Amino acid sequence: MGKFRISEKQERTINEFKKTLAGFSEEALSEVIKGNYEVEPEYNAGDWVVWHGDVVKIKYPQTTERKDDGRCYFTIIRSDDSTYTNILRSNIRHATPEEIKAEQERRQWAEIGREPGEFRDGDVVLTAFDSISDQVNLIKKCTNLLIAKQEYKSKIIKGFYPAESFIEFGGADE
């Protein structure tokens, strides 16, 4: 097979492409041109990732440096502030927006020592609407814990004030 004829512009493009892929073997370049490659996702400090089923954050950003075994490693931090090092890229993936939201909500509940949706007698809830009275943005005391849990799962409850953080002053009517 003879040489292909290309324009000077195409030659410049090819030379730039070669510079970008410096360090690749001929075999690797051939596979890249054929489209037989996989893009490694980038990870940065603060990214939410899933590691062994847990949604965690990257503590130290990705580097292009690889250890002697040719692999990239990461340091992650769990919700209890425990740090794990030498986490392989193959053991993590970016968390989905739904997973991130669920983990953030779980952490909010954990801050007050509760599981998600664990309402207690005396909690005050803010609902988007009340199915009984048809009121919008109703603030009410949580008296039926089963209903509160159902409303939470149905996304009717917008927020709540935990009973243990409520400060009662008494008042003039006592």
Foldseek 3Di string as FASTA:
>chain_A
DDDDDDDPVVVVVVVVVCVVVPPDDPVRVVCVVVVNDDDQDFAAFQFFKAAPNATWTFHHGWDPDDPPVRFTWTWIAHLVRDIDTRHTSVRIDGDDPVNVVVVVQQSVQVVVPHGPLDADFQKWWFFCADPVPRHGRDIDGDDDSVVSSVCVVVVRTPDIHHRVVDDDPDDDVD
